[in-house]
Structures are given as structure tokens and as C-alpha cells.
Amino acid sequence: MYQENVVLSASSSYEQKYYLNEDFNGLPESIKEELKIMCVLFTEDVGGVLTLEFDEEGTLLFQVSSDEGDLLFDEIGSVLKIKELQRNKEELLESLELFYRVFFLGEDMPE
């Protein structure tokens, strides 16, 4: 079992870069593309850095950070956007959690 959170992907409005953890290259291309679009649009909309990571139980977490003094970062907007993504992308996020639990944590598939 992993001791720390495992990063799935990240996007930065500062560096205008997107990162997908190479451990997840086995995901279908459509899922990887949807993740990329979701993360990049998030940081383009509210700014800062978005990191999607799994905790030790396999729950997918949205971690948002910003540079100190970044007046363009929309902190309230980031919270609202995360709630919107969790609602609109619920099936995708649940599937990613299941994938992680089965292939990384070695849990059995639910019936």
C-alpha cells in the first residue's frame, strides 16, 4: 500500500503545462484526453495549480494551490469549479477511483 498520496495529473496556469503521471499511461486515450481538458480548463478559468491525487484509500482528491500574491487567482471560483466538476464528471471520477483501487491497491472488483 502507498504511504503518500499518488499524483494522477496536474495542470499549472503559471507554467502553462499539463502533467500525467506515467504510471497511468495504461488508461484509455479518451480518459487521458478528458482528464487533460478538465485540468487545463480549470487552471485557465481560475488560475493557480490543480493537482489530482489519490489518497491511501483510493479517494481522488482535488488539490489547488496558488503563488503567494497572485491577485488573479480566484479562490472562491476554484471551490465552486471543483464542486461543478465533481457533479458533472462523477462517472469519470468514480471510474478513476475504481481503476486505482483495483490496479494499484490490489482490491477486488465490486460485484
N, C-alpha and C. Protein backbone atom coordinates (compact mmCIF):
# COMPACT_ATOMS: atom_id res chain seq x y z
N MET A 1 0.85 -1.18 0.00
CA MET A 1 0.00 0.00 0.00
C MET A 1 0.89 1.24 0.00
N TYR A 2 0.44 2.28 -0.71
CA TYR A 2 1.20 3.52 -0.78
C TYR A 2 1.11 4.27 0.54
N GLN A 3 2.19 4.94 0.91
CA GLN A 3 2.24 5.69 2.16
C GLN A 3 1.84 7.15 1.97
N GLU A 4 2.01 7.67 0.76
CA GLU A 4 1.67 9.06 0.48
C GLU A 4 0.61 9.09 -0.61
N ASN A 5 0.08 10.28 -0.83
CA ASN A 5 -0.85 10.44 -1.95
C ASN A 5 -0.11 10.24 -3.26
N VAL A 6 -0.80 9.67 -4.24
CA VAL A 6 -0.22 9.42 -5.55
C VAL A 6 -0.85 10.39 -6.54
N VAL A 7 -0.02 11.17 -7.19
CA VAL A 7 -0.49 12.17 -8.15
C VAL A 7 -0.95 11.45 -9.42
N LEU A 8 -2.15 11.78 -9.85
CA LEU A 8 -2.67 11.30 -11.13
C LEU A 8 -2.29 12.28 -12.23
N SER A 9 -2.63 13.55 -12.04
CA SER A 9 -2.32 14.57 -13.03
C SER A 9 -2.26 15.94 -12.38
N ALA A 10 -1.70 16.89 -13.12
CA ALA A 10 -1.59 18.26 -12.61
C ALA A 10 -1.58 19.22 -13.79
N SER A 11 -2.05 20.42 -13.51
CA SER A 11 -2.04 21.48 -14.51
C SER A 11 -1.66 22.79 -13.82
N SER A 12 -0.84 23.58 -14.49
CA SER A 12 -0.38 24.84 -13.91
C SER A 12 -0.67 25.99 -14.86
N SER A 13 -1.35 27.01 -14.34
CA SER A 13 -1.59 28.20 -15.15
C SER A 13 -0.31 29.05 -15.25
N TYR A 14 0.60 28.86 -14.31
CA TYR A 14 1.84 29.65 -14.29
C TYR A 14 2.80 29.19 -15.38
N GLU A 15 2.97 27.89 -15.49
CA GLU A 15 3.90 27.34 -16.48
C GLU A 15 3.19 26.94 -17.77
N GLN A 16 1.87 27.00 -17.76
CA GLN A 16 1.04 26.56 -18.87
C GLN A 16 1.44 25.16 -19.31
N LYS A 17 1.47 24.26 -18.31
CA LYS A 17 1.86 22.87 -18.56
C LYS A 17 0.84 21.94 -17.93
N TYR A 18 0.77 20.74 -18.51
CA TYR A 18 -0.07 19.66 -18.00
C TYR A 18 0.82 18.44 -17.78
N TYR A 19 0.56 17.71 -16.70
CA TYR A 19 1.35 16.54 -16.37
C TYR A 19 0.41 15.38 -16.09
N LEU A 20 0.72 14.21 -16.68
CA LEU A 20 0.02 12.97 -16.36
C LEU A 20 1.08 12.00 -15.86
N ASN A 21 0.87 11.47 -14.66
CA ASN A 21 1.79 10.50 -14.07
C ASN A 21 1.92 9.32 -15.03
N GLU A 22 3.15 8.98 -15.40
CA GLU A 22 3.38 7.90 -16.36
C GLU A 22 2.88 6.54 -15.86
N ASP A 23 2.66 6.39 -14.56
CA ASP A 23 2.09 5.15 -14.04
C ASP A 23 0.67 4.92 -14.55
N PHE A 24 0.04 5.99 -15.08
CA PHE A 24 -1.33 5.90 -15.56
C PHE A 24 -1.43 5.92 -17.08
N ASN A 25 -0.32 5.62 -17.76
CA ASN A 25 -0.32 5.56 -19.22
C ASN A 25 -1.23 4.46 -19.75
N GLY A 26 -1.58 3.49 -18.90
CA GLY A 26 -2.46 2.40 -19.31
C GLY A 26 -3.92 2.79 -19.40
N LEU A 27 -4.25 3.99 -18.97
CA LEU A 27 -5.63 4.45 -19.10
C LEU A 27 -5.98 4.61 -20.58
N PRO A 28 -7.25 4.40 -20.92
CA PRO A 28 -7.65 4.62 -22.32
C PRO A 28 -7.38 6.07 -22.75
N GLU A 29 -7.05 6.25 -24.02
CA GLU A 29 -6.71 7.58 -24.54
C GLU A 29 -7.84 8.57 -24.31
N SER A 30 -9.08 8.14 -24.45
CA SER A 30 -10.21 9.06 -24.26
C SER A 30 -10.27 9.58 -22.82
N ILE A 31 -9.93 8.73 -21.86
CA ILE A 31 -9.92 9.14 -20.45
C ILE A 31 -8.77 10.11 -20.21
N LYS A 32 -7.60 9.80 -20.76
CA LYS A 32 -6.44 10.69 -20.59
C LYS A 32 -6.73 12.06 -21.21
N GLU A 33 -7.39 12.08 -22.36
CA GLU A 33 -7.71 13.35 -23.02
C GLU A 33 -8.75 14.13 -22.22
N GLU A 34 -9.75 13.43 -21.68
CA GLU A 34 -10.77 14.10 -20.87
C GLU A 34 -10.15 14.70 -19.60
N LEU A 35 -9.23 13.97 -18.98
CA LEU A 35 -8.52 14.48 -17.80
C LEU A 35 -7.73 15.75 -18.14
N LYS A 36 -7.04 15.69 -19.26
CA LYS A 36 -6.23 16.84 -19.68
C LYS A 36 -7.11 18.07 -19.91
N ILE A 37 -8.19 17.89 -20.64
CA ILE A 37 -9.10 19.00 -20.91
C ILE A 37 -9.66 19.56 -19.61
N MET A 38 -10.09 18.67 -18.72
CA MET A 38 -10.68 19.09 -17.45
C MET A 38 -9.68 19.91 -16.62
N CYS A 39 -8.47 19.42 -16.50
CA CYS A 39 -7.46 20.10 -15.68
C CYS A 39 -7.01 21.43 -16.28
N VAL A 40 -6.76 21.43 -17.58
CA VAL A 40 -6.28 22.65 -18.23
C VAL A 40 -7.36 23.73 -18.22
N LEU A 41 -8.60 23.35 -18.50
CA LEU A 41 -9.69 24.34 -18.46
C LEU A 41 -9.87 24.90 -17.05
N PHE A 42 -9.69 24.05 -16.04
CA PHE A 42 -9.80 24.50 -14.66
C PHE A 42 -8.79 25.61 -14.38
N THR A 43 -7.52 25.35 -14.69
CA THR A 43 -6.48 26.34 -14.38
C THR A 43 -6.57 27.57 -15.28
N GLU A 44 -7.07 27.41 -16.50
CA GLU A 44 -7.29 28.57 -17.36
C GLU A 44 -8.40 29.44 -16.80
N ASP A 45 -9.39 28.82 -16.18
CA ASP A 45 -10.55 29.54 -15.66
C ASP A 45 -10.25 30.26 -14.35
N VAL A 46 -9.65 29.55 -13.38
CA VAL A 46 -9.46 30.13 -12.04
C VAL A 46 -8.01 30.45 -11.71
N GLY A 47 -7.06 29.93 -12.51
CA GLY A 47 -5.64 30.18 -12.24
C GLY A 47 -5.06 29.15 -11.30
N GLY A 48 -3.85 29.38 -10.88
CA GLY A 48 -3.18 28.52 -9.91
C GLY A 48 -2.73 27.19 -10.48
N VAL A 49 -2.62 26.21 -9.58
CA VAL A 49 -2.18 24.87 -9.93
C VAL A 49 -3.22 23.89 -9.40
N LEU A 50 -3.65 22.97 -10.25
CA LEU A 50 -4.58 21.91 -9.86
C LEU A 50 -3.84 20.60 -9.91
N THR A 51 -3.92 19.84 -8.82
CA THR A 51 -3.33 18.51 -8.77
C THR A 51 -4.42 17.53 -8.38
N LEU A 52 -4.57 16.47 -9.18
CA LEU A 52 -5.49 15.39 -8.84
C LEU A 52 -4.64 14.27 -8.27
N GLU A 53 -4.98 13.84 -7.07
CA GLU A 53 -4.19 12.78 -6.43
C GLU A 53 -5.07 11.83 -5.65
N PHE A 54 -4.59 10.61 -5.54
CA PHE A 54 -5.30 9.58 -4.79
C PHE A 54 -4.72 9.52 -3.38
N ASP A 55 -5.61 9.45 -2.37
CA ASP A 55 -5.12 9.24 -1.01
C ASP A 55 -4.88 7.75 -0.80
N GLU A 56 -4.47 7.37 0.41
CA GLU A 56 -4.10 5.98 0.69
C GLU A 56 -5.27 5.02 0.59
N GLU A 57 -6.50 5.53 0.60
CA GLU A 57 -7.69 4.67 0.48
C GLU A 57 -8.23 4.63 -0.94
N GLY A 58 -7.62 5.40 -1.84
CA GLY A 58 -8.05 5.40 -3.24
C GLY A 58 -9.05 6.47 -3.59
N THR A 59 -9.25 7.43 -2.71
CA THR A 59 -10.16 8.54 -2.99
C THR A 59 -9.43 9.59 -3.81
N LEU A 60 -10.05 10.05 -4.87
CA LEU A 60 -9.45 11.06 -5.73
C LEU A 60 -9.69 12.45 -5.14
N LEU A 61 -8.61 13.16 -4.89
CA LEU A 61 -8.67 14.48 -4.27
C LEU A 61 -8.28 15.57 -5.26
N PHE A 62 -8.94 16.70 -5.16
CA PHE A 62 -8.59 17.89 -5.93
C PHE A 62 -7.78 18.78 -5.01
N GLN A 63 -6.52 19.04 -5.34
CA GLN A 63 -5.66 19.92 -4.56
C GLN A 63 -5.38 21.17 -5.40
N VAL A 64 -5.68 22.33 -4.84
CA VAL A 64 -5.48 23.58 -5.57
C VAL A 64 -4.52 24.45 -4.76
N SER A 65 -3.57 25.06 -5.47
CA SER A 65 -2.65 25.98 -4.81
C SER A 65 -2.39 27.15 -5.75
N SER A 66 -1.87 28.22 -5.16
CA SER A 66 -1.54 29.39 -5.97
C SER A 66 -0.30 30.06 -5.37
N ASP A 67 0.37 30.81 -6.21
CA ASP A 67 1.53 31.56 -5.74
C ASP A 67 1.06 32.66 -4.79
N GLU A 68 1.85 32.90 -3.77
CA GLU A 68 1.53 33.98 -2.84
C GLU A 68 1.52 35.30 -3.59
N GLY A 69 0.49 36.07 -3.36
CA GLY A 69 0.39 37.37 -4.02
C GLY A 69 -0.21 37.32 -5.41
N ASP A 70 -0.70 36.16 -5.84
CA ASP A 70 -1.32 36.04 -7.16
C ASP A 70 -2.72 36.64 -7.09
N LEU A 71 -2.85 37.87 -7.54
CA LEU A 71 -4.12 38.58 -7.46
C LEU A 71 -5.14 38.08 -8.48
N LEU A 72 -4.70 37.34 -9.48
CA LEU A 72 -5.62 36.83 -10.49
C LEU A 72 -6.24 35.49 -10.11
N PHE A 73 -5.68 34.81 -9.10
CA PHE A 73 -6.22 33.51 -8.68
C PHE A 73 -7.59 33.71 -8.04
N ASP A 74 -8.56 32.93 -8.48
CA ASP A 74 -9.94 33.02 -8.00
C ASP A 74 -10.20 31.88 -7.01
N GLU A 75 -9.95 32.15 -5.72
CA GLU A 75 -10.09 31.10 -4.70
C GLU A 75 -11.53 30.62 -4.57
N ILE A 76 -12.48 31.53 -4.54
CA ILE A 76 -13.88 31.14 -4.43
C ILE A 76 -14.31 30.39 -5.69
N GLY A 77 -13.89 30.89 -6.83
CA GLY A 77 -14.19 30.22 -8.10
C GLY A 77 -13.63 28.82 -8.16
N SER A 78 -12.46 28.60 -7.55
CA SER A 78 -11.86 27.26 -7.58
C SER A 78 -12.71 26.26 -6.79
N VAL A 79 -13.24 26.69 -5.65
CA VAL A 79 -14.08 25.81 -4.85
C VAL A 79 -15.36 25.47 -5.61
N LEU A 80 -15.96 26.48 -6.22
CA LEU A 80 -17.18 26.27 -6.99
C LEU A 80 -16.93 25.38 -8.21
N LYS A 81 -15.80 25.58 -8.86
CA LYS A 81 -15.46 24.79 -10.05
C LYS A 81 -15.22 23.33 -9.68
N ILE A 82 -14.59 23.08 -8.54
CA ILE A 82 -14.37 21.70 -8.10
C ILE A 82 -15.71 21.02 -7.85
N LYS A 83 -16.61 21.69 -7.18
CA LYS A 83 -17.94 21.12 -6.93
C LYS A 83 -18.66 20.83 -8.24
N GLU A 84 -18.53 21.74 -9.20
CA GLU A 84 -19.15 21.54 -10.51
C GLU A 84 -18.55 20.31 -11.20
N LEU A 85 -17.23 20.19 -11.18
CA LEU A 85 -16.57 19.04 -11.80
C LEU A 85 -16.97 17.73 -11.12
N GLN A 86 -17.03 17.74 -9.79
CA GLN A 86 -17.41 16.54 -9.06
C GLN A 86 -18.83 16.11 -9.41
N ARG A 87 -19.69 17.08 -9.70
CA ARG A 87 -21.07 16.78 -10.07
C ARG A 87 -21.15 16.34 -11.54
N ASN A 88 -20.52 17.09 -12.44
CA ASN A 88 -20.64 16.82 -13.87
C ASN A 88 -19.77 15.67 -14.36
N LYS A 89 -18.69 15.39 -13.67
CA LYS A 89 -17.76 14.33 -14.07
C LYS A 89 -17.78 13.16 -13.07
N GLU A 90 -18.89 13.00 -12.38
CA GLU A 90 -18.99 11.98 -11.33
C GLU A 90 -18.62 10.59 -11.82
N GLU A 91 -19.15 10.22 -12.99
CA GLU A 91 -18.88 8.88 -13.52
C GLU A 91 -17.40 8.68 -13.83
N LEU A 92 -16.78 9.68 -14.45
CA LEU A 92 -15.35 9.61 -14.75
C LEU A 92 -14.53 9.49 -13.46
N LEU A 93 -14.83 10.32 -12.48
CA LEU A 93 -14.07 10.33 -11.23
C LEU A 93 -14.23 9.01 -10.47
N GLU A 94 -15.44 8.47 -10.45
CA GLU A 94 -15.67 7.18 -9.79
C GLU A 94 -14.93 6.06 -10.51
N SER A 95 -14.91 6.11 -11.84
CA SER A 95 -14.19 5.10 -12.62
C SER A 95 -12.69 5.15 -12.36
N LEU A 96 -12.15 6.37 -12.25
CA LEU A 96 -10.73 6.52 -11.95
C LEU A 96 -10.40 5.96 -10.56
N GLU A 97 -11.28 6.22 -9.59
CA GLU A 97 -11.07 5.67 -8.25
C GLU A 97 -11.09 4.14 -8.27
N LEU A 98 -12.04 3.57 -9.01
CA LEU A 98 -12.13 2.11 -9.12
C LEU A 98 -10.87 1.56 -9.78
N PHE A 99 -10.42 2.19 -10.86
CA PHE A 99 -9.20 1.77 -11.55
C PHE A 99 -8.02 1.76 -10.58
N TYR A 100 -7.89 2.82 -9.82
CA TYR A 100 -6.78 2.93 -8.87
C TYR A 100 -6.85 1.85 -7.79
N ARG A 101 -8.04 1.65 -7.24
CA ARG A 101 -8.19 0.66 -6.17
C ARG A 101 -7.88 -0.75 -6.65
N VAL A 102 -8.29 -1.06 -7.88
CA VAL A 102 -8.07 -2.42 -8.41
C VAL A 102 -6.62 -2.62 -8.84
N PHE A 103 -6.08 -1.69 -9.64
CA PHE A 103 -4.77 -1.91 -10.24
C PHE A 103 -3.60 -1.44 -9.39
N PHE A 104 -3.83 -0.53 -8.45
CA PHE A 104 -2.73 -0.03 -7.63
C PHE A 104 -2.81 -0.54 -6.19
N LEU A 105 -4.01 -0.64 -5.66
CA LEU A 105 -4.16 -1.11 -4.27
C LEU A 105 -4.48 -2.59 -4.18
N GLY A 106 -4.76 -3.22 -5.33
CA GLY A 106 -4.99 -4.66 -5.37
C GLY A 106 -6.33 -5.10 -4.79
N GLU A 107 -7.30 -4.21 -4.75
CA GLU A 107 -8.62 -4.59 -4.25
C GLU A 107 -9.35 -5.39 -5.32
N ASP A 108 -10.32 -6.19 -4.88
CA ASP A 108 -11.15 -6.94 -5.82
C ASP A 108 -12.19 -6.03 -6.44
N MET A 109 -12.57 -6.36 -7.67
CA MET A 109 -13.63 -5.61 -8.36
C MET A 109 -14.94 -5.83 -7.61
N PRO A 110 -15.73 -4.78 -7.43
CA PRO A 110 -17.04 -4.96 -6.80
C PRO A 110 -17.96 -5.73 -7.74
N GLU A 111 -18.91 -6.44 -7.17
CA GLU A 111 -19.85 -7.24 -7.97
C GLU A 111 -20.80 -6.39 -8.74
